[in-house]
Amino acid sequence: MTLYRMIGLLAVFGALALAVVGLRSEEVRTARRIQRIEMEMIVVRRGLWSTQLEIARWRAPRQVRREVEHWALDVSPPVLPVVEGGDRSRWARVE
């Protein structure tokens, strides 16, 4: 083998080695980023679950009654106006 071929092969193998190291470091960086994003997703899901639980508590009939009593709210259905000659069946409750 001539000297130029050996130098050429050495340069090609060196370039391949640098490319492999570069790809591997990019792979590690990407894996870290994926792991960080997955951890953020876990935190967001926990927050969502606690918010859904709080909403469910507030929508429970017992809690609604408690709030109505606490704030002394009038919980009667609204009386909607009826136009003369209008169709009364489209209103839920007309008194």
C-alpha atoms as a PDB file:
ATOM      1  CA  MET A   1       0.000   0.000   0.000  1.00  0.00           C
ATOM      2  CA  THR A   2       1.288   3.402  -0.818  1.00  0.00           C
ATOM      3  CA  LEU A   3       1.656   6.221   1.640  1.00  0.00           C
ATOM      4  CA  TYR A   4      -1.070   8.312  -0.019  1.00  0.00           C
ATOM      5  CA  ARG A   5      -3.599   5.455   0.186  1.00  0.00           C
ATOM      6  CA  MET A   6      -2.821   4.940   3.862  1.00  0.00           C
ATOM      7  CA  ILE A   7      -3.236   8.659   4.570  1.00  0.00           C
ATOM      8  CA  GLY A   8      -6.488   8.669   2.577  1.00  0.00           C
ATOM      9  CA  LEU A   9      -7.860   5.658   4.431  1.00  0.00           C
ATOM     10  CA  LEU A  10      -6.824   7.177   7.734  1.00  0.00           C
ATOM     11  CA  ALA A  11      -8.626  10.407   6.819  1.00  0.00           C
ATOM     12  CA  VAL A  12     -11.786   8.497   5.801  1.00  0.00           C
ATOM     13  CA  PHE A  13     -11.761   6.435   9.016  1.00  0.00           C
ATOM     14  CA  GLY A  14     -11.145   9.591  11.062  1.00  0.00           C
ATOM     15  CA  ALA A  15     -14.070  11.343   9.377  1.00  0.00           C
ATOM     16  CA  LEU A  16     -16.299   8.317  10.006  1.00  0.00           C
ATOM     17  CA  ALA A  17     -15.241   8.220  13.650  1.00  0.00           C
ATOM     18  CA  LEU A  18     -16.048  11.926  14.066  1.00  0.00           C
ATOM     19  CA  ALA A  19     -19.415  11.414  12.378  1.00  0.00           C
ATOM     20  CA  VAL A  20     -20.251   8.495  14.687  1.00  0.00           C
ATOM     21  CA  VAL A  21     -19.254  10.510  17.776  1.00  0.00           C
ATOM     22  CA  GLY A  22     -21.328  13.454  16.566  1.00  0.00           C
ATOM     23  CA  LEU A  23     -24.374  11.284  15.927  1.00  0.00           C
ATOM     24  CA  ARG A  24     -24.018   9.591  19.301  1.00  0.00           C
ATOM     25  CA  SER A  25     -23.795  12.904  21.153  1.00  0.00           C
ATOM     26  CA  GLU A  26     -26.879  14.148  19.296  1.00  0.00           C
ATOM     27  CA  GLU A  27     -28.685  10.940  20.231  1.00  0.00           C
ATOM     28  CA  VAL A  28     -27.823  11.447  23.907  1.00  0.00           C
ATOM     29  CA  ARG A  29     -28.964  15.080  23.783  1.00  0.00           C
ATOM     30  CA  THR A  30     -32.241  14.052  22.158  1.00  0.00           C
ATOM     31  CA  ALA A  31     -32.813  11.307  24.733  1.00  0.00           C
ATOM     32  CA  ARG A  32     -32.299  13.820  27.555  1.00  0.00           C
ATOM     33  CA  ARG A  33     -34.729  16.236  25.933  1.00  0.00           C
ATOM     34  CA  ILE A  34     -37.337  13.487  25.522  1.00  0.00           C
ATOM     35  CA  GLN A  35     -36.935  12.515  29.164  1.00  0.00           C
ATOM     36  CA  ARG A  36     -37.317  16.128  30.302  1.00  0.00           C
ATOM     37  CA  ILE A  37     -40.470  16.558  28.197  1.00  0.00           C
ATOM     38  CA  GLU A  38     -41.928  13.319  29.593  1.00  0.00           C
ATOM     39  CA  MET A  39     -41.296  14.572  33.135  1.00  0.00           C
ATOM     40  CA  GLU A  40     -43.046  17.842  32.273  1.00  0.00           C
ATOM     41  CA  MET A  41     -45.980  15.833  30.896  1.00  0.00           C
ATOM     42  CA  ILE A  42     -46.244  13.961  34.198  1.00  0.00           C
ATOM     43  CA  VAL A  43     -46.349  17.244  36.118  1.00  0.00           C
ATOM     44  CA  VAL A  44     -48.981  18.676  33.760  1.00  0.00           C
ATOM     45  CA  ARG A  45     -51.096  15.514  34.010  1.00  0.00           C
ATOM     46  CA  ARG A  46     -50.984  15.650  37.816  1.00  0.00           C
ATOM     47  CA  GLY A  47     -52.145  19.252  37.685  1.00  0.00           C
ATOM     48  CA  LEU A  48     -54.921  18.318  35.279  1.00  0.00           C
ATOM     49  CA  TRP A  49     -56.047  15.437  37.475  1.00  0.00           C
ATOM     50  CA  SER A  50     -56.169  17.631  40.567  1.00  0.00           C
ATOM     51  CA  THR A  51     -58.111  20.293  38.650  1.00  0.00           C
ATOM     52  CA  GLN A  52     -60.589  17.691  37.397  1.00  0.00           C
ATOM     53  CA  LEU A  53     -60.998  16.393  40.935  1.00  0.00           C
ATOM     54  CA  GLU A  54     -61.648  19.889  42.239  1.00  0.00           C
ATOM     55  CA  ILE A  55     -64.225  20.500  39.494  1.00  0.00           C
ATOM     56  CA  ALA A  56     -65.933  17.226  40.357  1.00  0.00           C
ATOM     57  CA  ARG A  57     -66.087  18.249  44.023  1.00  0.00           C
ATOM     58  CA  TRP A  58     -67.637  21.601  43.156  1.00  0.00           C
ATOM     59  CA  ARG A  59     -70.204  19.990  40.863  1.00  0.00           C
ATOM     60  CA  ALA A  60     -71.353  17.480  43.476  1.00  0.00           C
ATOM     61  CA  PRO A  61     -74.972  18.106  44.537  1.00  0.00           C
ATOM     62  CA  ARG A  62     -74.012  18.371  48.219  1.00  0.00           C
ATOM     63  CA  GLN A  63     -71.441  21.071  47.477  1.00  0.00           C
ATOM     64  CA  VAL A  64     -73.860  22.963  45.220  1.00  0.00           C
ATOM     65  CA  ARG A  65     -76.484  22.972  47.994  1.00  0.00           C
ATOM     66  CA  ARG A  66     -73.867  24.130  50.491  1.00  0.00           C
ATOM     67  CA  GLU A  67     -72.811  27.020  48.256  1.00  0.00           C
ATOM     68  CA  VAL A  68     -76.426  28.001  47.547  1.00  0.00           C
ATOM     69  CA  GLU A  69     -77.137  28.113  51.270  1.00  0.00           C
ATOM     70  CA  HIS A  70     -73.901  29.933  52.031  1.00  0.00           C
ATOM     71  CA  TRP A  71     -74.495  32.684  49.477  1.00  0.00           C
ATOM     72  CA  ALA A  72     -78.297  32.701  49.935  1.00  0.00           C
ATOM     73  CA  LEU A  73     -78.841  32.339  46.224  1.00  0.00           C
ATOM     74  CA  ASP A  74     -82.248  32.095  44.576  1.00  0.00           C
ATOM     75  CA  VAL A  75     -82.125  28.904  42.539  1.00  0.00           C
ATOM     76  CA  SER A  76     -85.444  29.136  40.747  1.00  0.00           C
ATOM     77  CA  PRO A  77     -85.408  28.735  36.979  1.00  0.00           C
ATOM     78  CA  PRO A  78     -85.609  31.954  34.995  1.00  0.00           C
ATOM     79  CA  VAL A  79     -88.912  33.056  33.499  1.00  0.00           C
ATOM     80  CA  LEU A  80     -88.426  33.693  29.827  1.00  0.00           C
ATOM     81  CA  PRO A  81     -90.525  36.271  28.016  1.00  0.00           C
ATOM     82  CA  VAL A  82     -93.126  35.007  25.567  1.00  0.00           C
ATOM     83  CA  VAL A  83     -93.819  36.912  22.399  1.00  0.00           C
ATOM     84  CA  GLU A  84     -97.504  37.252  21.516  1.00  0.00           C
ATOM     85  CA  GLY A  85     -98.464  34.540  19.077  1.00  0.00           C
ATOM     86  CA  GLY A  86     -95.094  32.858  19.562  1.00  0.00           C
ATOM     87  CA  ASP A  87     -94.469  29.164  19.928  1.00  0.00           C
ATOM     88  CA  ARG A  88     -94.569  28.357  23.664  1.00  0.00           C
ATOM     89  CA  SER A  89     -93.175  24.853  23.207  1.00  0.00           C
ATOM     90  CA  ARG A  90     -89.654  26.119  22.561  1.00  0.00           C
ATOM     91  CA  TRP A  91     -89.320  27.556  26.082  1.00  0.00           C
ATOM     92  CA  ALA A  92     -88.388  25.161  28.844  1.00  0.00           C
ATOM     93  CA  ARG A  93     -90.626  26.757  31.467  1.00  0.00           C
ATOM     94  CA  VAL A  94     -93.137  29.556  31.077  1.00  0.00           C
ATOM     95  CA  GLU A  95     -95.290  30.661  33.977  1.00  0.00           C
END
